[in-house]
Amino acid sequence: MLPETLIQQMSHGWVHAPIASLIYHRNGRAELLNRAGMELLQYQPEEAALAQQHYNLHRDPSLQAPLTKSAIASAFEGKKTRIGELDYELLNVQARPSGKHIVARLNLAPLRVEAKTGEYIVAFFTDITPQVTLRRELDSRKHEIQQAEQQQEALRAEIEARSAPVVPVLPGILVLPLVGAIDSRRAEYVLNCLLEAASEHSADTLLLDVTGIPVVDTAVANYLLQAIKALKLLGTDTIVVGISPEIAQTLVQLGLRLEDITTRADLQSGLQTALRRQGQIIRARS
């Protein structure tokens, strides 16, 4: 038991302090708790004495983690310690789990009694459940957003892969049909696909079919021109087929030089040109 002199010294302010405070003996016995401690542990005043009889600090299921036990031992050795975030399950008056949980910040300090330390400690519990609950909800939401972004990125990559299908139609001849709007991101992806395919198939000619492209801006046009020049360095000639009057007018207005680019009206005429370059001729069946 706490010495009577210490009990008498406990100030009115400690008893009524807004922070939950409990005093423990080295053997684990709970000696004293203030009103905030009763409220935190959800004891009625008449239950507190019974709870103290059954409770033991060293057997508390929520305090068995190695770091927590080490902090308690350090406090009894005369050191102030702190547990920043403790998932704590409240116990009933028989010191059995109640199924109710809180998250608490726990500060432990040695208590000097009759000029000696090491026999008692005081524990200050701060209920941080609302803050931690909010933080965990935000972390969970952040994780969900990150997962959604990863899924979106994977879907975008799949769409891009399907939106730039480089098809080997004949030995040495590749066809890339482009369909839909092209932004700078997709244009860069197309450029990489073209270079990889031309190198892999040792292509002589690439037929770049732009029939399905509704509009081309300066950035995209420059990407396509870069692709054509890069393919040339790999030994692959490019024939652009299906340029619409709108795109042709846009390219002229943008002042892009198209003199070195071979163009054809449609894929069929482009393929014929590619075959002639290989010394082959398509003959109609009689």
Protein backbone atom coordinates (compact mmCIF):
# COMPACT_ATOMS: atom_id res chain seq x y z
CA MET A 1 0.00 0.00 0.00
CA LEU A 2 1.04 3.57 -0.56
CA PRO A 3 2.34 5.23 2.58
CA GLU A 4 -0.35 7.32 4.21
CA THR A 5 1.93 10.34 4.06
CA LEU A 6 2.10 10.07 0.26
CA ILE A 7 -1.65 9.71 -0.05
CA GLN A 8 -2.09 12.82 2.02
CA GLN A 9 0.43 14.64 -0.16
CA MET A 10 -1.47 13.88 -3.36
CA SER A 11 -2.84 17.25 -4.30
CA HIS A 12 -6.42 18.09 -5.10
CA GLY A 13 -5.13 19.10 -8.53
CA TRP A 14 -3.78 15.60 -9.26
CA VAL A 15 -7.02 13.94 -8.23
CA HIS A 16 -9.05 16.19 -10.49
CA ALA A 17 -6.48 16.59 -13.29
CA PRO A 18 -7.88 16.08 -16.82
CA ILE A 19 -5.20 13.54 -17.73
CA ALA A 20 -5.58 9.94 -16.55
CA SER A 21 -2.97 9.15 -13.90
CA LEU A 22 -2.31 5.84 -12.14
CA ILE A 23 0.24 4.84 -9.53
CA TYR A 24 1.72 1.31 -9.57
CA HIS A 25 3.84 -0.65 -7.12
CA ARG A 26 6.87 -2.60 -8.34
CA ASN A 27 4.94 -5.84 -7.85
CA GLY A 28 2.39 -4.61 -10.43
CA ARG A 29 -0.36 -3.67 -8.03
CA ALA A 30 -2.43 -0.59 -8.96
CA GLU A 31 -2.30 1.63 -5.90
CA LEU A 32 -4.16 4.77 -6.88
CA LEU A 33 -5.89 6.38 -9.84
CA ASN A 34 -7.45 9.77 -10.30
CA ARG A 35 -10.90 10.59 -11.65
CA ALA A 36 -9.69 10.92 -15.23
CA GLY A 37 -8.14 7.47 -14.86
CA MET A 38 -11.49 6.03 -13.80
CA GLU A 39 -13.17 7.65 -16.78
CA LEU A 40 -10.51 6.39 -19.19
CA LEU A 41 -10.73 2.83 -17.87
CA GLN A 42 -14.53 3.15 -17.71
CA TYR A 43 -14.85 2.33 -14.00
CA GLN A 44 -17.53 3.66 -11.73
CA PRO A 45 -16.11 5.10 -8.46
CA GLU A 46 -17.42 2.14 -6.51
CA GLU A 47 -15.72 -0.27 -8.97
CA ALA A 48 -12.26 1.26 -8.76
CA ALA A 49 -11.26 -0.43 -5.50
CA LEU A 50 -12.38 -3.86 -6.76
CA ALA A 51 -10.54 -3.36 -10.04
CA GLN A 52 -7.35 -2.46 -8.18
CA GLN A 53 -7.54 -5.74 -6.25
CA HIS A 54 -7.65 -7.85 -9.42
CA TYR A 55 -5.35 -5.85 -11.66
CA ASN A 56 -1.62 -6.41 -12.08
CA LEU A 57 0.51 -4.23 -14.31
CA HIS A 58 2.85 -7.06 -15.29
CA ARG A 59 -0.01 -9.33 -16.40
CA ASP A 60 -1.91 -6.74 -18.44
CA PRO A 61 -2.34 -8.33 -21.92
CA SER A 62 -1.88 -4.97 -23.64
CA LEU A 63 1.48 -4.36 -21.96
CA GLN A 64 3.33 -7.53 -22.95
CA ALA A 65 5.22 -6.23 -25.99
CA PRO A 66 9.00 -6.28 -25.36
CA LEU A 67 9.40 -2.52 -25.85
CA THR A 68 6.50 -1.81 -23.49
CA LYS A 69 7.85 -4.12 -20.79
CA SER A 70 11.27 -2.53 -21.18
CA ALA A 71 9.78 0.96 -20.76
CA ILE A 72 8.00 -0.11 -17.56
CA ALA A 73 11.18 -1.70 -16.18
CA SER A 74 13.15 1.48 -16.96
CA ALA A 75 10.61 3.57 -15.08
CA PHE A 76 11.03 1.42 -11.98
CA GLU A 77 14.78 1.89 -12.36
CA GLY A 78 14.32 5.63 -12.05
CA LYS A 79 14.07 6.74 -15.70
CA LYS A 80 11.28 8.62 -17.41
CA THR A 81 9.99 6.68 -20.41
CA ARG A 82 7.32 7.08 -23.04
CA ILE A 83 5.26 4.82 -25.30
CA GLY A 84 4.06 7.00 -28.15
CA GLU A 85 1.18 4.88 -29.39
CA LEU A 86 -0.28 1.97 -27.47
CA ASP A 87 -3.23 -0.13 -28.63
CA TYR A 88 -4.87 -0.83 -25.30
CA GLU A 89 -7.77 -3.16 -24.52
CA LEU A 90 -9.73 -2.05 -21.48
CA LEU A 91 -10.17 -4.60 -18.69
CA ASN A 92 -13.25 -5.10 -16.56
CA VAL A 93 -13.19 -5.00 -12.78
CA GLN A 94 -12.06 -8.65 -12.72
CA ALA A 95 -9.07 -7.64 -14.91
CA ARG A 96 -10.44 -9.56 -17.87
CA PRO A 97 -10.55 -8.21 -21.45
CA SER A 98 -13.70 -6.20 -22.05
CA GLY A 99 -13.47 -6.09 -25.85
CA LYS A 100 -13.26 -2.30 -25.77
CA HIS A 101 -10.14 -0.71 -27.24
CA ILE A 102 -8.48 2.68 -27.10
CA VAL A 103 -5.21 4.07 -28.42
CA ALA A 104 -3.20 5.83 -25.74
CA ARG A 105 0.05 7.71 -25.33
CA LEU A 106 1.72 6.46 -22.16
CA ASN A 107 4.26 8.44 -20.13
CA LEU A 108 5.93 6.70 -17.19
CA ALA A 109 7.92 8.33 -14.42
CA PRO A 110 9.48 7.10 -11.18
CA LEU A 111 7.71 8.26 -8.04
CA ARG A 112 9.85 9.37 -5.14
CA VAL A 113 8.48 8.05 -1.86
CA GLU A 114 10.24 8.84 1.41
CA ALA A 115 13.35 10.00 -0.49
CA LYS A 116 13.57 6.71 -2.38
CA THR A 117 12.74 5.70 -5.96
CA GLY A 118 12.26 2.32 -7.55
CA GLU A 119 9.23 1.12 -5.62
CA TYR A 120 6.49 3.13 -7.32
CA ILE A 121 5.88 4.69 -10.72
CA VAL A 122 3.19 7.00 -12.01
CA ALA A 123 1.66 6.43 -15.44
CA PHE A 124 -0.04 9.15 -17.45
CA PHE A 125 -2.45 7.89 -20.10
CA THR A 126 -3.53 10.26 -22.88
CA ASP A 127 -6.37 8.98 -25.04
CA ILE A 128 -5.36 9.66 -28.66
CA THR A 129 -7.95 7.36 -30.22
CA PRO A 130 -9.68 10.07 -32.33
CA GLN A 131 -6.40 11.35 -33.78
CA VAL A 132 -5.05 7.87 -34.53
CA THR A 133 -8.37 6.72 -35.98
CA LEU A 134 -8.39 9.71 -38.32
CA ARG A 135 -4.77 9.14 -39.31
CA ARG A 136 -5.37 5.45 -39.99
CA GLU A 137 -8.44 6.28 -42.06
CA LEU A 138 -6.39 8.80 -44.05
CA ASP A 139 -3.58 6.25 -44.49
CA SER A 140 -6.11 3.67 -45.66
CA ARG A 141 -7.64 6.14 -48.08
CA LYS A 142 -4.19 7.10 -49.33
CA HIS A 143 -3.40 3.42 -49.89
CA GLU A 144 -6.66 2.96 -51.80
CA ILE A 145 -5.85 5.98 -53.97
CA GLN A 146 -2.36 4.64 -54.66
CA GLN A 147 -3.81 1.26 -55.62
CA ALA A 148 -6.33 2.96 -57.91
CA GLU A 149 -3.54 4.99 -59.51
CA GLN A 150 -1.46 1.84 -60.03
CA GLN A 151 -4.43 0.09 -61.61
CA GLN A 152 -5.08 3.12 -63.79
CA GLU A 153 -1.43 3.21 -64.84
CA ALA A 154 -1.51 -0.50 -65.66
CA LEU A 155 -4.69 0.01 -67.69
CA ARG A 156 -3.13 2.98 -69.47
CA ALA A 157 -0.06 0.90 -70.31
CA GLU A 158 -2.26 -1.89 -71.67
CA ILE A 159 -4.26 0.57 -73.76
CA GLU A 160 -1.05 2.10 -75.09
CA ALA A 161 0.29 -1.33 -75.98
CA ARG A 162 -2.86 -2.09 -77.92
CA SER A 163 -2.94 1.36 -79.49
CA ALA A 164 0.42 0.92 -81.22
CA PRO A 165 0.30 -2.55 -82.81
CA VAL A 166 3.30 -2.83 -85.14
CA VAL A 167 2.37 -5.65 -87.55
CA PRO A 168 4.85 -7.48 -89.81
CA VAL A 169 2.79 -8.05 -92.98
CA LEU A 170 5.54 -9.29 -95.30
CA PRO A 171 9.25 -10.00 -94.91
CA GLY A 172 10.94 -6.67 -94.25
CA ILE A 173 7.68 -4.70 -94.22
CA LEU A 174 5.91 -3.47 -91.09
CA VAL A 175 2.58 -1.69 -90.73
CA LEU A 176 1.55 0.55 -87.85
CA PRO A 177 -2.08 1.69 -88.00
CA LEU A 178 -2.71 4.64 -85.68
CA VAL A 179 -6.27 5.26 -84.53
CA GLY A 180 -7.72 7.96 -82.28
CA ALA A 181 -6.29 11.07 -80.71
CA ILE A 182 -2.56 11.15 -80.07
CA ASP A 183 -1.03 13.24 -77.31
CA SER A 184 2.64 13.69 -76.52
CA ARG A 185 2.67 10.74 -74.12
CA ARG A 186 1.23 8.33 -76.65
CA ALA A 187 3.41 9.75 -79.43
CA GLU A 188 6.52 9.04 -77.37
CA TYR A 189 5.29 5.51 -76.71
CA VAL A 190 4.67 4.99 -80.44
CA LEU A 191 8.20 6.18 -81.19
CA ASN A 192 9.69 3.62 -78.82
CA CYS A 193 7.51 0.83 -80.23
CA LEU A 194 8.54 1.68 -83.79
CA LEU A 195 12.24 1.60 -83.01
CA GLU A 196 11.99 -1.69 -81.12
CA ALA A 197 9.92 -3.35 -83.86
CA ALA A 198 12.13 -2.09 -86.70
CA SER A 199 15.23 -3.41 -84.94
CA GLU A 200 13.62 -6.73 -83.99
CA HIS A 201 12.30 -7.48 -87.50
CA SER A 202 15.18 -5.88 -89.46
CA ALA A 203 12.54 -4.02 -91.45
CA ASP A 204 13.27 -2.32 -94.78
CA THR A 205 10.04 -0.34 -94.79
CA LEU A 206 7.47 0.84 -92.28
CA LEU A 207 4.01 1.82 -93.42
CA LEU A 208 2.71 4.43 -90.98
CA ASP A 209 -1.05 4.54 -91.48
CA VAL A 210 -2.52 7.76 -90.04
CA THR A 211 -5.95 7.34 -91.61
CA GLY A 212 -7.60 7.04 -88.19
CA ILE A 213 -5.98 10.13 -86.64
CA PRO A 214 -8.43 13.06 -86.48
CA VAL A 215 -5.93 15.81 -85.65
CA VAL A 216 -2.20 16.37 -85.24
CA ASP A 217 -0.63 19.23 -83.27
CA THR A 218 2.93 20.53 -83.40
CA ALA A 219 4.26 18.31 -80.62
CA VAL A 220 2.81 15.12 -82.10
CA ALA A 221 3.95 16.02 -85.62
CA ASN A 222 7.49 16.56 -84.34
CA TYR A 223 7.40 13.19 -82.57
CA LEU A 224 6.39 11.50 -85.83
CA LEU A 225 9.15 13.28 -87.73
CA GLN A 226 11.65 12.22 -85.05
CA ALA A 227 10.43 8.65 -85.43
CA ILE A 228 10.91 8.76 -89.19
CA LYS A 229 14.44 10.14 -88.83
CA ALA A 230 15.34 7.60 -86.14
CA LEU A 231 14.01 4.75 -88.29
CA LYS A 232 16.13 6.01 -91.17
CA LEU A 233 19.22 5.65 -88.99
CA LEU A 234 18.23 2.01 -88.42
CA GLY A 235 17.96 1.48 -92.18
CA THR A 236 14.16 1.55 -92.26
CA ASP A 237 12.33 3.78 -94.73
CA THR A 238 8.95 5.15 -93.69
CA ILE A 239 5.95 5.59 -95.95
CA VAL A 240 3.16 7.66 -94.40
CA VAL A 241 -0.25 6.69 -95.74
CA GLY A 242 -3.73 8.09 -95.26
CA ILE A 243 -2.92 11.73 -94.50
CA SER A 244 -6.25 13.55 -94.47
CA PRO A 245 -6.66 17.00 -96.07
CA GLU A 246 -7.12 18.47 -92.58
CA ILE A 247 -3.86 17.00 -91.29
CA ALA A 248 -2.03 17.98 -94.47
CA GLN A 249 -3.23 21.56 -94.07
CA THR A 250 -2.22 21.57 -90.41
CA LEU A 251 1.28 20.31 -91.23
CA VAL A 252 1.71 23.01 -93.86
CA GLN A 253 0.48 25.69 -91.47
CA LEU A 254 2.90 24.47 -88.83
CA GLY A 255 5.73 24.90 -91.31
CA LEU A 256 7.01 21.34 -90.93
CA ARG A 257 9.32 20.10 -93.68
CA LEU A 258 7.85 17.06 -95.39
CA GLU A 259 10.06 16.97 -98.49
CA ASP A 260 11.98 13.89 -97.35
CA ILE A 261 8.88 11.92 -96.34
CA THR A 262 7.26 9.48 -98.74
CA THR A 263 3.48 9.69 -98.60
CA ARG A 264 0.76 7.65 -100.26
CA ALA A 265 -3.00 8.05 -100.35
CA ASP A 266 -3.86 4.71 -98.78
CA LEU A 267 -2.40 1.52 -97.38
CA GLN A 268 -2.70 -0.40 -100.64
CA SER A 269 -0.65 2.09 -102.64
CA GLY A 270 1.83 2.32 -99.80
CA LEU A 271 2.29 -1.44 -99.78
CA GLN A 272 2.79 -1.44 -103.54
CA THR A 273 5.53 1.16 -103.18
CA ALA A 274 7.23 -0.89 -100.47
CA LEU A 275 7.16 -4.02 -102.61
CA ARG A 276 8.56 -2.20 -105.64
CA ARG A 277 11.48 -1.07 -103.52
CA GLN A 278 12.11 -4.73 -102.78
CA GLY A 279 11.89 -5.56 -106.47
CA GLN A 280 8.51 -7.24 -106.14
CA ILE A 281 5.31 -6.54 -108.02
CA ILE A 282 1.74 -7.31 -107.05
CA ARG A 283 -0.04 -8.83 -110.05
CA ALA A 284 -3.79 -9.19 -110.25
CA ARG A 285 -5.05 -12.71 -110.89
CA SER A 286 -6.45 -13.18 -114.37
